[in-house]
C-alpha atoms as a PDB file:
ATOM      1  CA  UNK A   1     -55.931 154.516  -5.401  1.00  0.00           C
ATOM      2  CA  UNK A   2     -53.543 151.599  -5.312  1.00  0.00           C
ATOM      3  CA  UNK A   3     -56.138 149.444  -7.090  1.00  0.00           C
ATOM      4  CA  UNK A   4     -56.524 152.053  -9.823  1.00  0.00           C
ATOM      5  CA  UNK A   5     -52.742 152.181 -10.299  1.00  0.00           C
ATOM      6  CA  UNK A   6     -52.621 148.366 -10.575  1.00  0.00           C
ATOM      7  CA  UNK A   7     -55.321 148.363 -13.260  1.00  0.00           C
ATOM      8  CA  UNK A   8     -53.627 151.193 -15.133  1.00  0.00           C
ATOM      9  CA  UNK A   9     -50.343 149.288 -15.193  1.00  0.00           C
ATOM     10  CA  UNK A  10     -52.029 146.147 -16.566  1.00  0.00           C
ATOM     11  CA  UNK A  11     -51.985 144.154 -13.329  1.00  0.00           C
ATOM     12  CA  UNK A  12     -55.133 142.343 -12.252  1.00  0.00           C
ATOM     13  CA  UNK A  13     -56.241 142.241  -8.641  1.00  0.00           C
ATOM     14  CA  UNK A  14     -57.347 139.281  -6.469  1.00  0.00           C
ATOM     15  CA  UNK A  15     -55.289 136.543  -8.123  1.00  0.00           C
ATOM     16  CA  UNK A  16     -57.380 136.531 -11.302  1.00  0.00           C
ATOM     17  CA  UNK A  17     -54.265 136.568 -13.509  1.00  0.00           C
ATOM     18  CA  UNK A  18     -53.736 132.836 -13.023  1.00  0.00           C
ATOM     19  CA  UNK A  19     -57.261 132.019 -14.196  1.00  0.00           C
ATOM     20  CA  UNK A  20     -57.161 134.407 -17.143  1.00  0.00           C
ATOM     21  CA  UNK A  21     -59.953 136.599 -15.746  1.00  0.00           C
ATOM     22  CA  UNK A  22     -59.711 140.366 -16.068  1.00  0.00           C
ATOM     23  CA  UNK A  23     -60.872 142.834 -13.381  1.00  0.00           C
ATOM     24  CA  UNK A  24     -63.658 145.191 -14.394  1.00  0.00           C
ATOM     25  CA  UNK A  25     -61.394 148.258 -14.672  1.00  0.00           C
ATOM     26  CA  UNK A  26     -58.916 146.548 -17.007  1.00  0.00           C
ATOM     27  CA  UNK A  27     -61.503 145.663 -19.632  1.00  0.00           C
ATOM     28  CA  UNK A  28     -62.051 149.305 -20.578  1.00  0.00           C
ATOM     29  CA  UNK A  29     -58.441 149.777 -21.625  1.00  0.00           C
ATOM     30  CA  UNK A  30     -58.326 146.428 -23.469  1.00  0.00           C
ATOM     31  CA  UNK A  31     -54.965 145.767 -21.863  1.00  0.00           C
ATOM     32  CA  UNK A  32     -53.780 142.306 -20.974  1.00  0.00           C
ATOM     33  CA  UNK A  33     -51.369 141.814 -18.115  1.00  0.00           C
ATOM     34  CA  UNK A  34     -47.804 141.760 -19.342  1.00  0.00           C
ATOM     35  CA  UNK A  35     -46.474 138.246 -19.800  1.00  0.00           C
ATOM     36  CA  UNK A  36     -49.957 136.739 -20.226  1.00  0.00           C
ATOM     37  CA  UNK A  37     -50.215 134.118 -22.943  1.00  0.00           C
ATOM     38  CA  UNK A  38     -53.301 134.171 -25.130  1.00  0.00           C
ATOM     39  CA  UNK A  39     -54.529 130.825 -26.377  1.00  0.00           C
ATOM     40  CA  UNK A  40     -57.159 129.774 -28.856  1.00  0.00           C
ATOM     41  CA  UNK A  41     -59.250 126.607 -28.793  1.00  0.00           C
ATOM     42  CA  UNK A  42     -58.124 123.848 -31.124  1.00  0.00           C
ATOM     43  CA  UNK A  43     -60.822 121.760 -32.761  1.00  0.00           C
ATOM     44  CA  UNK A  44     -60.176 118.065 -32.391  1.00  0.00           C
ATOM     45  CA  UNK A  45     -62.983 116.927 -34.711  1.00  0.00           C
ATOM     46  CA  UNK A  46     -62.339 116.725 -38.443  1.00  0.00           C
ATOM     47  CA  UNK A  47     -65.946 117.266 -39.536  1.00  0.00           C
ATOM     48  CA  UNK A  48     -69.449 117.361 -38.165  1.00  0.00           C
ATOM     49  CA  UNK A  49     -70.975 114.159 -39.510  1.00  0.00           C
ATOM     50  CA  UNK A  50     -71.042 111.001 -37.441  1.00  0.00           C
ATOM     51  CA  UNK A  51     -72.335 108.719 -40.218  1.00  0.00           C
ATOM     52  CA  UNK A  52     -69.953 107.310 -42.795  1.00  0.00           C
ATOM     53  CA  UNK A  53     -69.899 104.782 -45.614  1.00  0.00           C
ATOM     54  CA  UNK A  54     -67.628 101.803 -44.984  1.00  0.00           C
ATOM     55  CA  UNK A  55     -67.251  98.340 -46.585  1.00  0.00           C
ATOM     56  CA  UNK A  56     -69.451  97.066 -43.699  1.00  0.00           C
ATOM     57  CA  UNK A  57     -72.181  99.568 -44.683  1.00  0.00           C
ATOM     58  CA  UNK A  58     -73.224 102.846 -43.053  1.00  0.00           C
ATOM     59  CA  UNK A  59     -71.710 103.104 -39.609  1.00  0.00           C
ATOM     60  CA  UNK A  60     -70.779 105.623 -36.975  1.00  0.00           C
ATOM     61  CA  UNK A  61     -67.447 107.243 -37.818  1.00  0.00           C
ATOM     62  CA  UNK A  62     -64.746 106.685 -35.261  1.00  0.00           C
ATOM     63  CA  UNK A  63     -61.059 107.339 -34.792  1.00  0.00           C
ATOM     64  CA  UNK A  64     -58.440 104.932 -33.477  1.00  0.00           C
ATOM     65  CA  UNK A  65     -55.125 106.246 -32.197  1.00  0.00           C
ATOM     66  CA  UNK A  66     -52.211 104.535 -33.931  1.00  0.00           C
ATOM     67  CA  UNK A  67     -49.987 105.287 -30.934  1.00  0.00           C
ATOM     68  CA  UNK A  68     -52.006 104.343 -27.821  1.00  0.00           C
ATOM     69  CA  UNK A  69     -54.898 102.388 -29.384  1.00  0.00           C
ATOM     70  CA  UNK A  70     -57.684 104.527 -27.881  1.00  0.00           C
ATOM     71  CA  UNK A  71     -60.973 104.634 -29.794  1.00  0.00           C
ATOM     72  CA  UNK A  72     -63.168 107.723 -30.015  1.00  0.00           C
ATOM     73  CA  UNK A  73     -66.425 108.648 -31.714  1.00  0.00           C
ATOM     74  CA  UNK A  74     -66.131 111.128 -34.584  1.00  0.00           C
ATOM     75  CA  UNK A  75     -63.360 111.817 -37.084  1.00  0.00           C
ATOM     76  CA  UNK A  76     -60.611 113.316 -34.915  1.00  0.00           C
ATOM     77  CA  UNK A  77     -57.372 115.024 -35.846  1.00  0.00           C
ATOM     78  CA  UNK A  78     -55.747 114.257 -32.489  1.00  0.00           C
ATOM     79  CA  UNK A  79     -56.138 111.494 -29.928  1.00  0.00           C
ATOM     80  CA  UNK A  80     -58.217 112.497 -26.901  1.00  0.00           C
ATOM     81  CA  UNK A  81     -56.039 110.315 -24.657  1.00  0.00           C
ATOM     82  CA  UNK A  82     -52.424 110.943 -25.663  1.00  0.00           C
ATOM     83  CA  UNK A  83     -52.799 113.936 -28.050  1.00  0.00           C
ATOM     84  CA  UNK A  84     -50.977 112.077 -30.837  1.00  0.00           C
ATOM     85  CA  UNK A  85     -51.759 113.163 -34.379  1.00  0.00           C
ATOM     86  CA  UNK A  86     -51.213 109.591 -35.618  1.00  0.00           C
ATOM     87  CA  UNK A  87     -54.886 108.618 -35.896  1.00  0.00           C
ATOM     88  CA  UNK A  88     -56.951 106.563 -38.345  1.00  0.00           C
ATOM     89  CA  UNK A  89     -60.605 106.786 -39.390  1.00  0.00           C
ATOM     90  CA  UNK A  90     -62.525 103.597 -38.540  1.00  0.00           C
ATOM     91  CA  UNK A  91     -66.064 102.236 -38.596  1.00  0.00           C
ATOM     92  CA  UNK A  92     -67.369 101.851 -35.062  1.00  0.00           C
ATOM     93  CA  UNK A  93     -69.113  98.591 -34.108  1.00  0.00           C
ATOM     94  CA  UNK A  94     -72.802  98.129 -34.934  1.00  0.00           C
ATOM     95  CA  UNK A  95     -73.514  96.455 -31.582  1.00  0.00           C
ATOM     96  CA  UNK A  96     -73.300  97.465 -27.984  1.00  0.00           C
ATOM     97  CA  UNK A  97     -74.918  97.473 -24.567  1.00  0.00           C
ATOM     98  CA  UNK A  98     -77.500  99.973 -23.329  1.00  0.00           C
ATOM     99  CA  UNK A  99     -75.859 101.570 -20.279  1.00  0.00           C
ATOM    100  CA  UNK A 100     -78.814 103.741 -19.220  1.00  0.00           C
ATOM    101  CA  UNK A 101     -81.812 105.428 -20.809  1.00  0.00           C
ATOM    102  CA  UNK A 102     -84.653 107.862 -20.298  1.00  0.00           C
ATOM    103  CA  UNK A 103     -87.799 108.834 -22.150  1.00  0.00           C
ATOM    104  CA  UNK A 104     -88.422 112.441 -23.162  1.00  0.00           C
ATOM    105  CA  UNK A 105     -92.173 113.142 -23.026  1.00  0.00           C
ATOM    106  CA  UNK A 106     -94.382 115.699 -24.723  1.00  0.00           C
ATOM    107  CA  UNK A 107     -92.296 116.272 -27.838  1.00  0.00           C
ATOM    108  CA  UNK A 108     -94.004 118.246 -30.558  1.00  0.00           C
ATOM    109  CA  UNK A 109     -92.565 118.232 -34.062  1.00  0.00           C
ATOM    110  CA  UNK A 110     -89.266 116.668 -32.949  1.00  0.00           C
ATOM    111  CA  UNK A 111     -88.653 112.993 -33.646  1.00  0.00           C
ATOM    112  CA  UNK A 112     -91.502 111.980 -31.361  1.00  0.00           C
ATOM    113  CA  UNK A 113     -93.277 108.681 -31.837  1.00  0.00           C
ATOM    114  CA  UNK A 114     -94.809 108.856 -35.354  1.00  0.00           C
ATOM    115  CA  UNK A 115     -98.571 108.719 -35.595  1.00  0.00           C
ATOM    116  CA  UNK A 116     -99.290 110.180 -32.184  1.00  0.00           C
ATOM    117  CA  UNK A 117    -100.630 113.731 -32.329  1.00  0.00           C
ATOM    118  CA  UNK A 118     -98.618 114.669 -35.431  1.00  0.00           C
ATOM    119  CA  UNK A 119     -95.284 113.558 -34.006  1.00  0.00           C
ATOM    120  CA  UNK A 120     -95.865 114.480 -30.373  1.00  0.00           C
ATOM    121  CA  UNK A 121     -95.046 111.660 -28.036  1.00  0.00           C
ATOM    122  CA  UNK A 122     -92.154 109.925 -26.342  1.00  0.00           C
ATOM    123  CA  UNK A 123     -88.534 109.862 -27.485  1.00  0.00           C
ATOM    124  CA  UNK A 124     -86.335 107.271 -25.780  1.00  0.00           C
ATOM    125  CA  UNK A 125     -82.658 108.177 -25.628  1.00  0.00           C
ATOM    126  CA  UNK A 126     -79.825 106.350 -23.935  1.00  0.00           C
ATOM    127  CA  UNK A 127     -76.110 105.882 -23.469  1.00  0.00           C
ATOM    128  CA  UNK A 128     -74.761 102.953 -25.485  1.00  0.00           C
ATOM    129  CA  UNK A 129     -71.380 101.327 -24.800  1.00  0.00           C
ATOM    130  CA  UNK A 130     -70.144 100.102 -28.181  1.00  0.00           C
ATOM    131  CA  UNK A 131     -68.509  96.674 -28.486  1.00  0.00           C
ATOM    132  CA  UNK A 132     -64.817  97.125 -29.216  1.00  0.00           C
ATOM    133  CA  UNK A 133     -62.296  94.338 -29.845  1.00  0.00           C
ATOM    134  CA  UNK A 134     -59.610  96.274 -27.994  1.00  0.00           C
ATOM    135  CA  UNK A 135     -61.712  96.625 -24.868  1.00  0.00           C
ATOM    136  CA  UNK A 136     -61.369 100.446 -24.858  1.00  0.00           C
ATOM    137  CA  UNK A 137     -64.747 102.058 -24.346  1.00  0.00           C
ATOM    138  CA  UNK A 138     -66.746 104.321 -26.605  1.00  0.00           C
ATOM    139  CA  UNK A 139     -70.010 105.504 -25.064  1.00  0.00           C
ATOM    140  CA  UNK A 140     -72.448 107.577 -27.094  1.00  0.00           C
ATOM    141  CA  UNK A 141     -75.801 109.204 -26.433  1.00  0.00           C
ATOM    142  CA  UNK A 142     -78.262 107.928 -29.023  1.00  0.00           C
ATOM    143  CA  UNK A 143     -81.902 107.684 -29.993  1.00  0.00           C
ATOM    144  CA  UNK A 144     -83.325 104.323 -28.988  1.00  0.00           C
ATOM    145  CA  UNK A 145     -86.113 102.824 -31.087  1.00  0.00           C
ATOM    146  CA  UNK A 146     -88.291 101.015 -28.621  1.00  0.00           C
ATOM    147  CA  UNK A 147     -90.616  98.289 -29.852  1.00  0.00           C
ATOM    148  CA  UNK A 148     -92.316  95.334 -28.212  1.00  0.00           C
ATOM    149  CA  UNK A 149     -89.187  94.557 -26.181  1.00  0.00           C
ATOM    150  CA  UNK A 150     -89.068  96.790 -23.087  1.00  0.00           C
ATOM    151  CA  UNK A 151     -85.846  98.711 -22.549  1.00  0.00           C
ATOM    152  CA  UNK A 152     -83.601  97.862 -19.606  1.00  0.00           C
ATOM    153  CA  UNK A 153     -80.011  98.672 -18.694  1.00  0.00           C
ATOM    154  CA  UNK A 154     -77.417  96.102 -19.811  1.00  0.00           C
ATOM    155  CA  UNK A 155     -79.485  94.878 -22.766  1.00  0.00           C
ATOM    156  CA  UNK A 156     -77.813  94.223 -26.123  1.00  0.00           C
ATOM    157  CA  UNK A 157     -78.591  96.799 -28.831  1.00  0.00           C
ATOM    158  CA  UNK A 158     -77.844  97.066 -32.546  1.00  0.00           C
ATOM    159  CA  UNK A 159     -77.158 100.091 -34.736  1.00  0.00           C
ATOM    160  CA  UNK A 160     -79.661 101.216 -37.362  1.00  0.00           C
ATOM    161  CA  UNK A 161     -79.909 103.968 -39.959  1.00  0.00           C
ATOM    162  CA  UNK A 162     -83.021 105.626 -41.386  1.00  0.00           C
ATOM    163  CA  UNK A 163     -81.993 108.233 -43.973  1.00  0.00           C
ATOM    164  CA  UNK A 164     -79.652 110.618 -42.168  1.00  0.00           C
ATOM    165  CA  UNK A 165     -80.873 109.557 -38.719  1.00  0.00           C
ATOM    166  CA  UNK A 166     -79.108 106.861 -36.721  1.00  0.00           C
ATOM    167  CA  UNK A 167     -80.350 104.984 -33.690  1.00  0.00           C
ATOM    168  CA  UNK A 168     -80.054 101.781 -31.687  1.00  0.00           C
ATOM    169  CA  UNK A 169     -82.747  99.167 -31.157  1.00  0.00           C
ATOM    170  CA  UNK A 170     -82.869  96.180 -28.800  1.00  0.00           C
ATOM    171  CA  UNK A 171     -80.996  93.225 -30.335  1.00  0.00           C
ATOM    172  CA  UNK A 172     -83.828  90.838 -29.513  1.00  0.00           C
ATOM    173  CA  UNK A 173     -86.288  92.989 -31.493  1.00  0.00           C
ATOM    174  CA  UNK A 174     -83.830  93.211 -34.403  1.00  0.00           C
ATOM    175  CA  UNK A 175     -83.407  89.406 -34.386  1.00  0.00           C
ATOM    176  CA  UNK A 176     -87.188  88.893 -34.430  1.00  0.00           C
ATOM    177  CA  UNK A 177     -87.634  91.415 -37.281  1.00  0.00           C
ATOM    178  CA  UNK A 178     -84.927  89.616 -39.275  1.00  0.00           C
ATOM    179  CA  UNK A 179     -86.520  86.190 -38.771  1.00  0.00           C
ATOM    180  CA  UNK A 180     -89.942  87.435 -39.884  1.00  0.00           C
ATOM    181  CA  UNK A 181     -88.493  88.425 -43.269  1.00  0.00           C
ATOM    182  CA  UNK A 182     -87.714  84.803 -44.136  1.00  0.00           C
END
C-alpha cells in the first residue's frame, strides 16, 4: 500500500530518482517526480561529413579549441575538453602512426578486397594517432589499405582519399608508389 501511495504521489522507490529512472507503476500515469529536471542531449558535431576541402587538399575535418587548444575530429560546436564555444574548423594532419589494427574477414559486398569473390575478402581497420604540432592527440578508427608492406603497430601511415572514401596506407608503401611515378 505504501508503495502504491508513493507512486501515486509521483515519488519513485528504491533511490531511482537520482538516476532518472522511473518505477514501473509511475510510467502509466506519465508523471515525473516533482522537482525533477528534464534534460535533452546537445549535439556537439556541426555536420556529419568528416572530409573537407582545404588549401592543403581534401583532409579530415577537425576542430581546434581557441581557448584550451584541444584538437578533435569532426566539425564541433563546442570543445570536448573545456566546453568552450570558441572553436575553429581546421584540416587535420595527413600523417600519423598506426596505434593498433585488426582484419575483418569474410566481408561480402562491403568494402572487402576488390577482385576477390565479388568484393568478399579482408578489410583491415585500425586506430591512427594523427600527428599534431600541439602534441594533443586525435585518434581515429580508419580503413587501412594494406599493400606489400605488412601492417604493424607504431608504423607511419599517410592519409588518402578515393572518391568519398578515406583511408590510411603505410607511409613506406606511399613513398614507393610516389617514386615509381617518376
